[in-house]
Amino acid sequence: MACGLVALGAVLLAPGAQAQGNDVAAIAAQKDAMRKLDWMHGVWRGPAVTQLPQGAHEVTQTERIGGFLDGTVTVMEGKGYNADGSIGFNAFGVVSYDAATKSYWLTSWAQGRSGKFPMTVTDTGYVWEIPAGGMTIRYTASVTNGGWTEVGDYIAPGQPARRFFAMTLKRVGDTDWPMAGGIAKE
């Protein structure tokens, strides 16, 4: 019954949503803003280390990143491979731009957690933060000479930043993901 009500609601709401049409100005602003992250598109690989209570956890980090929805969002998947080939880390993220507030957002899913976090795009990369109780987890990325470096720091009031994560990736190729393999009309 609940499925039937949801389907009925979708049918009733669809004409109104279609009648609104596209917000051409918002789409143009989103595309323009997302172009600043085009450097990310492709396949990346390199060493990453996370400092855990039991010691350093080293992986070979990979990222595959591409534009989606006609360039209005950037989709990314990160996998960290342990020395034995097993997956030690896996994350999925979507970067978007809100034209109304002129702000970037990273929506992330990793290790049983998810959230939507503010993101600042810089001339050389980006910064995004996760509120964590009385402190902040800050990730800072930069791209130089075809390399992507990202670090993670714990920031607590009145204390120096404490680095817990670092990765250094090299671009190793192009990707047609996530656009490839879409369902055709027929």
N, C-alpha and C. Protein backbone atom coordinates (compact mmCIF):
# COMPACT_ATOMS: atom_id res chain seq x y z
N MET A 1 0.82 -1.19 0.00
CA MET A 1 0.00 0.00 0.00
C MET A 1 0.87 1.26 0.00
N ALA A 2 1.91 1.25 0.85
CA ALA A 2 2.79 2.41 0.92
C ALA A 2 3.44 2.67 -0.44
N CYS A 3 3.84 1.60 -1.13
CA CYS A 3 4.45 1.75 -2.46
C CYS A 3 3.46 2.37 -3.43
N GLY A 4 2.20 1.97 -3.33
CA GLY A 4 1.17 2.52 -4.20
C GLY A 4 0.98 4.00 -3.97
N LEU A 5 1.01 4.43 -2.70
CA LEU A 5 0.87 5.85 -2.39
C LEU A 5 2.05 6.65 -2.89
N VAL A 6 3.25 6.10 -2.75
CA VAL A 6 4.43 6.78 -3.25
C VAL A 6 4.35 6.94 -4.77
N ALA A 7 3.96 5.87 -5.46
CA ALA A 7 3.83 5.92 -6.91
C ALA A 7 2.78 6.94 -7.32
N LEU A 8 1.64 6.95 -6.63
CA LEU A 8 0.58 7.90 -6.94
C LEU A 8 1.08 9.33 -6.73
N GLY A 9 1.81 9.55 -5.63
CA GLY A 9 2.36 10.87 -5.36
C GLY A 9 3.32 11.31 -6.44
N ALA A 10 4.15 10.39 -6.91
CA ALA A 10 5.11 10.72 -7.97
C ALA A 10 4.39 11.11 -9.25
N VAL A 11 3.31 10.39 -9.58
CA VAL A 11 2.54 10.69 -10.79
C VAL A 11 1.89 12.05 -10.66
N LEU A 12 1.33 12.36 -9.50
CA LEU A 12 0.64 13.63 -9.31
C LEU A 12 1.59 14.81 -9.29
N LEU A 13 2.78 14.62 -8.76
CA LEU A 13 3.75 15.71 -8.66
C LEU A 13 4.54 15.92 -9.94
N ALA A 14 4.67 14.91 -10.76
CA ALA A 14 5.51 14.99 -11.96
C ALA A 14 5.12 16.13 -12.90
N PRO A 15 3.83 16.32 -13.23
CA PRO A 15 3.51 17.42 -14.15
C PRO A 15 3.91 18.78 -13.60
N GLY A 16 3.74 19.00 -12.30
CA GLY A 16 4.14 20.28 -11.71
C GLY A 16 5.63 20.49 -11.79
N ALA A 17 6.38 19.45 -11.52
CA ALA A 17 7.83 19.56 -11.58
C ALA A 17 8.29 19.82 -13.00
N GLN A 18 7.66 19.16 -13.96
CA GLN A 18 8.04 19.36 -15.36
C GLN A 18 7.64 20.75 -15.83
N ALA A 19 6.52 21.26 -15.34
CA ALA A 19 6.05 22.57 -15.76
C ALA A 19 6.99 23.68 -15.30
N GLN A 20 7.74 23.44 -14.23
CA GLN A 20 8.65 24.46 -13.73
C GLN A 20 9.81 24.68 -14.68
N GLY A 21 10.19 23.68 -15.42
CA GLY A 21 11.29 23.81 -16.36
C GLY A 21 12.63 23.90 -15.66
N ASN A 22 13.68 23.99 -16.45
CA ASN A 22 15.03 24.08 -15.92
C ASN A 22 15.34 25.50 -15.47
N ASP A 23 16.12 25.63 -14.44
CA ASP A 23 16.63 26.92 -14.01
C ASP A 23 17.94 27.13 -14.77
N VAL A 24 17.83 27.71 -15.94
CA VAL A 24 18.97 27.83 -16.86
C VAL A 24 20.12 28.60 -16.21
N ALA A 25 19.80 29.66 -15.49
CA ALA A 25 20.86 30.46 -14.86
C ALA A 25 21.59 29.65 -13.79
N ALA A 26 20.85 28.89 -12.99
CA ALA A 26 21.48 28.07 -11.95
C ALA A 26 22.37 27.00 -12.57
N ILE A 27 21.88 26.36 -13.62
CA ILE A 27 22.67 25.32 -14.29
C ILE A 27 23.96 25.91 -14.85
N ALA A 28 23.86 27.08 -15.48
CA ALA A 28 25.06 27.73 -16.03
C ALA A 28 26.05 28.08 -14.91
N ALA A 29 25.55 28.57 -13.78
CA ALA A 29 26.43 28.91 -12.66
C ALA A 29 27.08 27.65 -12.08
N GLN A 30 26.31 26.57 -12.00
CA GLN A 30 26.86 25.31 -11.49
C GLN A 30 27.97 24.80 -12.40
N LYS A 31 27.71 24.79 -13.71
CA LYS A 31 28.73 24.31 -14.65
C LYS A 31 30.00 25.15 -14.56
N ASP A 32 29.83 26.46 -14.49
CA ASP A 32 30.98 27.36 -14.42
C ASP A 32 31.78 27.10 -13.14
N ALA A 33 31.09 26.97 -12.03
CA ALA A 33 31.77 26.73 -10.75
C ALA A 33 32.47 25.39 -10.74
N MET A 34 31.84 24.37 -11.28
CA MET A 34 32.42 23.02 -11.25
C MET A 34 33.63 22.89 -12.16
N ARG A 35 33.76 23.76 -13.16
CA ARG A 35 34.94 23.72 -14.04
C ARG A 35 36.23 23.92 -13.25
N LYS A 36 36.14 24.59 -12.12
CA LYS A 36 37.32 24.82 -11.29
C LYS A 36 37.88 23.52 -10.72
N LEU A 37 37.08 22.46 -10.76
CA LEU A 37 37.53 21.15 -10.26
C LEU A 37 37.79 20.16 -11.39
N ASP A 38 37.80 20.62 -12.62
CA ASP A 38 38.06 19.71 -13.75
C ASP A 38 39.41 19.02 -13.64
N TRP A 39 40.37 19.65 -12.96
CA TRP A 39 41.69 19.02 -12.79
C TRP A 39 41.59 17.66 -12.12
N MET A 40 40.52 17.44 -11.36
CA MET A 40 40.36 16.18 -10.62
C MET A 40 39.95 15.02 -11.52
N HIS A 41 39.29 15.32 -12.64
CA HIS A 41 38.73 14.27 -13.48
C HIS A 41 39.83 13.33 -13.98
N GLY A 42 39.61 12.05 -13.79
CA GLY A 42 40.57 11.05 -14.23
C GLY A 42 40.77 9.98 -13.18
N VAL A 43 41.85 9.24 -13.35
CA VAL A 43 42.21 8.16 -12.43
C VAL A 43 43.53 8.53 -11.76
N TRP A 44 43.59 8.37 -10.44
CA TRP A 44 44.73 8.77 -9.63
C TRP A 44 45.18 7.60 -8.77
N ARG A 45 46.49 7.58 -8.45
CA ARG A 45 47.01 6.50 -7.60
C ARG A 45 48.25 7.01 -6.85
N GLY A 46 48.40 6.53 -5.61
CA GLY A 46 49.60 6.87 -4.85
C GLY A 46 49.49 6.44 -3.41
N PRO A 47 50.55 6.66 -2.64
CA PRO A 47 50.56 6.24 -1.24
C PRO A 47 49.73 7.17 -0.36
N ALA A 48 49.11 6.57 0.65
CA ALA A 48 48.38 7.32 1.67
C ALA A 48 48.65 6.66 3.01
N VAL A 49 48.69 7.49 4.04
CA VAL A 49 48.91 6.96 5.39
C VAL A 49 47.96 7.67 6.36
N THR A 50 47.33 6.88 7.21
CA THR A 50 46.47 7.39 8.27
C THR A 50 47.07 6.98 9.60
N GLN A 51 47.19 7.94 10.50
CA GLN A 51 47.72 7.67 11.84
C GLN A 51 46.56 7.22 12.72
N LEU A 52 46.60 5.98 13.15
CA LEU A 52 45.58 5.39 14.01
C LEU A 52 46.17 5.16 15.40
N PRO A 53 45.33 4.95 16.42
CA PRO A 53 45.87 4.69 17.77
C PRO A 53 46.86 3.53 17.80
N GLN A 54 46.65 2.52 16.96
CA GLN A 54 47.55 1.36 16.95
C GLN A 54 48.74 1.55 16.01
N GLY A 55 48.85 2.72 15.39
CA GLY A 55 49.99 2.99 14.51
C GLY A 55 49.56 3.44 13.13
N ALA A 56 50.53 3.61 12.25
CA ALA A 56 50.27 4.07 10.89
C ALA A 56 49.62 2.97 10.06
N HIS A 57 48.60 3.35 9.29
CA HIS A 57 47.95 2.43 8.35
C HIS A 57 48.24 2.96 6.95
N GLU A 58 49.04 2.22 6.20
CA GLU A 58 49.45 2.63 4.86
C GLU A 58 48.66 1.86 3.82
N VAL A 59 48.22 2.58 2.79
CA VAL A 59 47.49 1.97 1.68
C VAL A 59 48.00 2.58 0.38
N THR A 60 47.68 1.91 -0.72
CA THR A 60 47.81 2.51 -2.04
C THR A 60 46.43 3.08 -2.35
N GLN A 61 46.35 4.40 -2.36
CA GLN A 61 45.07 5.08 -2.56
C GLN A 61 44.81 5.26 -4.05
N THR A 62 43.58 4.99 -4.47
CA THR A 62 43.16 5.24 -5.85
C THR A 62 41.92 6.11 -5.82
N GLU A 63 41.78 6.92 -6.82
CA GLU A 63 40.60 7.77 -6.98
C GLU A 63 40.19 7.73 -8.44
N ARG A 64 38.88 7.58 -8.67
CA ARG A 64 38.35 7.77 -10.02
C ARG A 64 37.29 8.84 -9.90
N ILE A 65 37.40 9.84 -10.77
CA ILE A 65 36.60 11.05 -10.63
C ILE A 65 36.13 11.51 -11.99
N GLY A 66 34.86 11.90 -12.06
CA GLY A 66 34.32 12.40 -13.31
C GLY A 66 33.12 13.30 -13.08
N GLY A 67 32.80 14.06 -14.12
CA GLY A 67 31.63 14.92 -14.07
C GLY A 67 30.37 14.13 -14.36
N PHE A 68 29.25 14.64 -13.86
CA PHE A 68 27.96 13.99 -14.05
C PHE A 68 26.89 15.07 -14.15
N LEU A 69 25.73 14.69 -14.63
CA LEU A 69 24.61 15.62 -14.81
C LEU A 69 25.04 16.84 -15.63
N ASP A 70 25.64 16.55 -16.76
CA ASP A 70 26.07 17.58 -17.71
C ASP A 70 27.06 18.57 -17.09
N GLY A 71 27.91 18.06 -16.21
CA GLY A 71 28.96 18.89 -15.62
C GLY A 71 28.53 19.72 -14.43
N THR A 72 27.34 19.47 -13.88
CA THR A 72 26.88 20.25 -12.73
C THR A 72 27.30 19.65 -11.39
N VAL A 73 27.78 18.42 -11.39
CA VAL A 73 28.33 17.80 -10.17
C VAL A 73 29.57 17.00 -10.55
N THR A 74 30.41 16.75 -9.57
CA THR A 74 31.58 15.88 -9.74
C THR A 74 31.41 14.69 -8.81
N VAL A 75 31.59 13.50 -9.37
CA VAL A 75 31.40 12.25 -8.63
C VAL A 75 32.78 11.61 -8.44
N MET A 76 33.03 11.10 -7.22
CA MET A 76 34.33 10.51 -6.95
C MET A 76 34.20 9.25 -6.10
N GLU A 77 35.08 8.29 -6.41
CA GLU A 77 35.19 7.09 -5.59
C GLU A 77 36.65 6.93 -5.21
N GLY A 78 36.89 6.76 -3.93
CA GLY A 78 38.24 6.52 -3.43
C GLY A 78 38.33 5.13 -2.84
N LYS A 79 39.39 4.41 -3.21
CA LYS A 79 39.66 3.09 -2.63
C LYS A 79 41.11 3.05 -2.20
N GLY A 80 41.31 2.57 -0.98
CA GLY A 80 42.65 2.37 -0.47
C GLY A 80 42.92 0.88 -0.35
N TYR A 81 43.97 0.41 -1.03
CA TYR A 81 44.31 -1.02 -1.04
C TYR A 81 45.43 -1.30 -0.06
N ASN A 82 45.19 -2.28 0.82
CA ASN A 82 46.22 -2.75 1.74
C ASN A 82 47.31 -3.48 0.95
N ALA A 83 48.43 -3.73 1.60
CA ALA A 83 49.56 -4.42 0.95
C ALA A 83 49.15 -5.78 0.40
N ASP A 84 48.19 -6.46 1.04
CA ASP A 84 47.76 -7.79 0.56
C ASP A 84 46.70 -7.72 -0.54
N GLY A 85 46.35 -6.50 -0.98
CA GLY A 85 45.37 -6.33 -2.05
C GLY A 85 43.94 -6.14 -1.57
N SER A 86 43.68 -6.36 -0.30
CA SER A 86 42.33 -6.15 0.22
C SER A 86 42.05 -4.65 0.32
N ILE A 87 40.78 -4.31 0.39
CA ILE A 87 40.39 -2.90 0.47
C ILE A 87 40.41 -2.46 1.93
N GLY A 88 41.24 -1.46 2.20
CA GLY A 88 41.37 -0.93 3.55
C GLY A 88 40.58 0.34 3.77
N PHE A 89 40.09 0.93 2.68
CA PHE A 89 39.31 2.16 2.77
C PHE A 89 38.50 2.27 1.49
N ASN A 90 37.26 2.73 1.61
CA ASN A 90 36.42 2.94 0.44
C ASN A 90 35.47 4.08 0.74
N ALA A 91 35.41 5.05 -0.16
CA ALA A 91 34.55 6.23 0.03
C ALA A 91 33.94 6.63 -1.29
N PHE A 92 32.79 7.28 -1.20
CA PHE A 92 32.10 7.82 -2.37
C PHE A 92 31.71 9.24 -2.03
N GLY A 93 31.88 10.14 -2.98
CA GLY A 93 31.53 11.53 -2.73
C GLY A 93 30.96 12.20 -3.95
N VAL A 94 30.17 13.23 -3.70
CA VAL A 94 29.61 14.07 -4.75
C VAL A 94 29.87 15.52 -4.36
N VAL A 95 30.55 16.25 -5.24
CA VAL A 95 30.77 17.67 -5.03
C VAL A 95 29.73 18.42 -5.86
N SER A 96 29.07 19.37 -5.22
CA SER A 96 28.05 20.16 -5.91
C SER A 96 28.26 21.64 -5.59
N TYR A 97 27.59 22.47 -6.37
CA TYR A 97 27.65 23.92 -6.17
C TYR A 97 26.23 24.44 -6.08
N ASP A 98 25.95 25.19 -5.03
CA ASP A 98 24.63 25.79 -4.84
C ASP A 98 24.70 27.21 -5.39
N ALA A 99 24.05 27.44 -6.52
CA ALA A 99 24.11 28.74 -7.18
C ALA A 99 23.45 29.83 -6.34
N ALA A 100 22.43 29.49 -5.57
CA ALA A 100 21.72 30.48 -4.77
C ALA A 100 22.59 31.02 -3.64
N THR A 101 23.36 30.14 -3.00
CA THR A 101 24.21 30.58 -1.88
C THR A 101 25.67 30.76 -2.29
N LYS A 102 25.97 30.43 -3.55
CA LYS A 102 27.34 30.53 -4.07
C LYS A 102 28.32 29.73 -3.20
N SER A 103 27.93 28.50 -2.90
CA SER A 103 28.77 27.67 -2.04
C SER A 103 28.89 26.25 -2.59
N TYR A 104 30.06 25.67 -2.34
CA TYR A 104 30.33 24.28 -2.72
C TYR A 104 30.01 23.38 -1.53
N TRP A 105 29.62 22.15 -1.86
CA TRP A 105 29.33 21.14 -0.84
C TRP A 105 29.92 19.81 -1.27
N LEU A 106 30.43 19.07 -0.29
CA LEU A 106 30.87 17.70 -0.52
C LEU A 106 29.95 16.80 0.30
N THR A 107 29.23 15.93 -0.38
CA THR A 107 28.44 14.92 0.29
C THR A 107 29.24 13.63 0.20
N SER A 108 29.51 13.04 1.36
CA SER A 108 30.45 11.93 1.44
C SER A 108 29.85 10.75 2.18
N TRP A 109 30.20 9.55 1.71
CA TRP A 109 29.84 8.30 2.37
C TRP A 109 31.12 7.48 2.52
N ALA A 110 31.45 7.11 3.75
CA ALA A 110 32.66 6.31 3.99
C ALA A 110 32.59 5.64 5.35
N GLN A 111 32.96 4.38 5.38
CA GLN A 111 33.14 3.65 6.62
C GLN A 111 31.93 3.70 7.55
N GLY A 112 30.74 3.61 6.98
CA GLY A 112 29.52 3.63 7.77
C GLY A 112 29.04 5.00 8.18
N ARG A 113 29.69 6.04 7.70
CA ARG A 113 29.31 7.41 8.04
C ARG A 113 28.97 8.17 6.76
N SER A 114 28.18 9.22 6.93
CA SER A 114 27.88 10.08 5.79
C SER A 114 27.61 11.49 6.30
N GLY A 115 27.70 12.43 5.37
CA GLY A 115 27.40 13.81 5.74
C GLY A 115 27.55 14.73 4.56
N LYS A 116 27.04 15.93 4.74
CA LYS A 116 27.17 16.99 3.75
C LYS A 116 27.99 18.10 4.40
N PHE A 117 29.13 18.42 3.76
CA PHE A 117 30.11 19.29 4.39
C PHE A 117 30.44 20.47 3.49
N PRO A 118 30.63 21.67 4.08
CA PRO A 118 31.03 22.82 3.27
C PRO A 118 32.42 22.61 2.70
N MET A 119 32.61 23.12 1.50
CA MET A 119 33.88 22.96 0.79
C MET A 119 34.27 24.30 0.19
N THR A 120 35.52 24.67 0.34
CA THR A 120 36.04 25.89 -0.25
C THR A 120 36.99 25.50 -1.37
N VAL A 121 36.73 26.00 -2.56
CA VAL A 121 37.61 25.74 -3.70
C VAL A 121 38.62 26.88 -3.77
N THR A 122 39.90 26.53 -3.85
CA THR A 122 40.98 27.51 -3.91
C THR A 122 41.60 27.50 -5.30
N ASP A 123 42.55 28.40 -5.52
CA ASP A 123 43.25 28.43 -6.81
C ASP A 123 44.06 27.17 -7.05
N THR A 124 44.48 26.49 -5.98
CA THR A 124 45.34 25.32 -6.12
C THR A 124 44.71 24.02 -5.62
N GLY A 125 43.44 24.04 -5.23
CA GLY A 125 42.80 22.83 -4.73
C GLY A 125 41.51 23.11 -4.01
N TYR A 126 41.41 22.60 -2.78
CA TYR A 126 40.18 22.78 -2.00
C TYR A 126 40.44 22.47 -0.53
N VAL A 127 39.49 22.89 0.31
CA VAL A 127 39.49 22.59 1.73
C VAL A 127 38.07 22.20 2.10
N TRP A 128 37.92 21.11 2.88
CA TRP A 128 36.60 20.78 3.41
C TRP A 128 36.75 20.35 4.85
N GLU A 129 35.69 20.56 5.63
CA GLU A 129 35.77 20.33 7.06
C GLU A 129 34.59 19.52 7.56
N ILE A 130 34.89 18.72 8.59
CA ILE A 130 33.87 17.93 9.28
C ILE A 130 33.84 18.39 10.73
N PRO A 131 32.69 18.90 11.21
CA PRO A 131 32.61 19.22 12.64
C PRO A 131 32.65 17.92 13.44
N ALA A 132 33.42 17.91 14.51
CA ALA A 132 33.58 16.69 15.32
C ALA A 132 33.57 17.07 16.80
N GLY A 133 32.37 17.32 17.30
CA GLY A 133 32.26 17.72 18.71
C GLY A 133 32.92 19.06 18.92
N GLY A 134 33.87 19.11 19.83
CA GLY A 134 34.56 20.36 20.12
C GLY A 134 35.71 20.66 19.19
N MET A 135 35.89 19.85 18.17
CA MET A 135 37.00 20.11 17.24
C MET A 135 36.51 19.99 15.80
N THR A 136 37.43 20.20 14.89
CA THR A 136 37.14 20.13 13.46
C THR A 136 38.16 19.22 12.79
N ILE A 137 37.69 18.42 11.85
CA ILE A 137 38.59 17.65 11.00
C ILE A 137 38.67 18.41 9.68
N ARG A 138 39.86 18.84 9.32
CA ARG A 138 40.04 19.65 8.10
C ARG A 138 40.91 18.89 7.10
N TYR A 139 40.39 18.76 5.88
CA TYR A 139 41.15 18.18 4.77
C TYR A 139 41.53 19.30 3.82
N THR A 140 42.81 19.36 3.46
CA THR A 140 43.31 20.38 2.56
C THR A 140 44.01 19.70 1.39
N ALA A 141 43.54 20.01 0.18
CA ALA A 141 44.10 19.40 -1.02
C ALA A 141 44.73 20.46 -1.91
N SER A 142 45.81 20.07 -2.57
CA SER A 142 46.43 20.96 -3.55
C SER A 142 46.93 20.13 -4.72
N VAL A 143 46.91 20.75 -5.88
CA VAL A 143 47.41 20.09 -7.08
C VAL A 143 48.55 20.94 -7.64
N THR A 144 49.69 20.29 -7.89
CA THR A 144 50.84 20.96 -8.50
C THR A 144 51.58 19.96 -9.37
N ASN A 145 51.97 20.42 -10.54
CA ASN A 145 52.77 19.60 -11.46
C ASN A 145 52.20 18.20 -11.67
N GLY A 146 50.89 18.10 -11.84
CA GLY A 146 50.26 16.81 -12.10
C GLY A 146 50.12 15.93 -10.88
N GLY A 147 50.46 16.44 -9.70
CA GLY A 147 50.31 15.67 -8.47
C GLY A 147 49.22 16.25 -7.58
N TRP A 148 48.57 15.39 -6.84
CA TRP A 148 47.49 15.77 -5.93
C TRP A 148 47.92 15.36 -4.53
N THR A 149 48.07 16.34 -3.67
CA THR A 149 48.42 16.10 -2.28
C THR A 149 47.24 16.49 -1.41
N GLU A 150 46.89 15.63 -0.46
CA GLU A 150 45.81 15.95 0.47
C GLU A 150 46.24 15.53 1.86
N VAL A 151 45.99 16.42 2.83
CA VAL A 151 46.31 16.13 4.22
C VAL A 151 45.06 16.33 5.06
N GLY A 152 45.00 15.60 6.17
CA GLY A 152 43.91 15.75 7.13
C GLY A 152 44.48 16.12 8.48
N ASP A 153 43.86 17.11 9.12
CA ASP A 153 44.32 17.58 10.42
C ASP A 153 43.16 17.64 11.40
N TYR A 154 43.44 17.27 12.65
CA TYR A 154 42.51 17.52 13.75
C TYR A 154 42.80 18.92 14.25
N ILE A 155 41.76 19.75 14.32
CA ILE A 155 41.91 21.13 14.79
C ILE A 155 41.08 21.27 16.07
N ALA A 156 41.76 21.50 17.19
CA ALA A 156 41.08 21.70 18.48
C ALA A 156 41.41 23.10 18.99
N PRO A 157 40.43 23.78 19.56
CA PRO A 157 40.68 25.14 20.06
C PRO A 157 41.86 25.17 21.04
N GLY A 158 42.73 26.15 20.82
CA GLY A 158 43.86 26.34 21.72
C GLY A 158 44.99 25.34 21.58
N GLN A 159 44.93 24.48 20.55
CA GLN A 159 45.98 23.48 20.36
C GLN A 159 46.49 23.54 18.93
N PRO A 160 47.75 23.15 18.73
CA PRO A 160 48.24 23.10 17.35
C PRO A 160 47.52 21.99 16.57
N ALA A 161 47.41 22.18 15.28
CA ALA A 161 46.79 21.16 14.42
C ALA A 161 47.59 19.87 14.53
N ARG A 162 46.87 18.75 14.51
CA ARG A 162 47.52 17.44 14.59
C ARG A 162 47.21 16.66 13.31
N ARG A 163 48.25 16.45 12.52
CA ARG A 163 48.11 15.75 11.24
C ARG A 163 47.87 14.27 11.48
N PHE A 164 46.84 13.73 10.82
CA PHE A 164 46.54 12.30 10.96
C PHE A 164 46.44 11.58 9.62
N PHE A 165 46.47 12.34 8.51
CA PHE A 165 46.30 11.73 7.20
C PHE A 165 47.12 12.49 6.18
N ALA A 166 47.70 11.74 5.23
CA ALA A 166 48.39 12.36 4.09
C ALA A 166 48.36 11.40 2.91
N MET A 167 48.11 11.95 1.73
CA MET A 167 48.21 11.15 0.51
C MET A 167 48.86 11.99 -0.57
N THR A 168 49.58 11.31 -1.44
CA THR A 168 50.24 11.95 -2.58
C THR A 168 49.93 11.11 -3.80
N LEU A 169 49.10 11.65 -4.68
CA LEU A 169 48.63 10.89 -5.84
C LEU A 169 49.18 11.48 -7.13
N LYS A 170 49.35 10.61 -8.10
CA LYS A 170 49.70 11.01 -9.47
C LYS A 170 48.55 10.61 -10.38
N ARG A 171 48.28 11.46 -11.34
CA ARG A 171 47.25 11.14 -12.33
C ARG A 171 47.80 10.05 -13.24
N VAL A 172 47.05 8.94 -13.36
CA VAL A 172 47.54 7.82 -14.15
C VAL A 172 46.69 7.55 -15.39
N GLY A 173 45.64 8.35 -15.60
CA GLY A 173 44.85 8.15 -16.80
C GLY A 173 43.52 8.86 -16.78
N ASP A 174 42.84 8.73 -17.90
CA ASP A 174 41.50 9.29 -18.06
C ASP A 174 40.47 8.25 -17.64
N THR A 175 39.26 8.70 -17.45
CA THR A 175 38.16 7.78 -17.19
C THR A 175 36.89 8.33 -17.82
N ASP A 176 36.03 7.44 -18.28
CA ASP A 176 34.73 7.86 -18.77
C ASP A 176 33.65 7.59 -17.71
N TRP A 177 34.10 7.25 -16.51
CA TRP A 177 33.20 7.04 -15.39
C TRP A 177 32.82 8.40 -14.82
N PRO A 178 31.64 8.64 -14.41
CA PRO A 178 30.51 7.73 -14.28
C PRO A 178 29.59 7.72 -15.50
N MET A 179 29.94 8.45 -16.53
CA MET A 179 29.05 8.56 -17.69
C MET A 179 28.95 7.27 -18.50
N ALA A 180 30.02 6.50 -18.56
CA ALA A 180 30.02 5.28 -19.38
C ALA A 180 29.04 4.27 -18.82
N GLY A 181 28.46 3.52 -19.70
CA GLY A 181 27.58 2.44 -19.27
C GLY A 181 26.18 2.87 -18.92
N GLY A 182 25.83 4.10 -19.23
CA GLY A 182 24.46 4.55 -18.96
C GLY A 182 23.46 3.75 -19.78
N ILE A 183 22.23 3.77 -19.35
CA ILE A 183 21.18 3.02 -20.04
C ILE A 183 20.70 3.81 -21.24
N ALA A 184 20.69 3.17 -22.40
CA ALA A 184 20.22 3.80 -23.63
C ALA A 184 18.70 3.78 -23.69
N LYS A 185 18.14 4.67 -24.50
CA LYS A 185 16.69 4.75 -24.66
C LYS A 185 16.11 3.44 -25.14
N GLU A 186 16.77 2.81 -26.08
CA GLU A 186 16.28 1.54 -26.65
C GLU A 186 17.30 0.46 -26.45
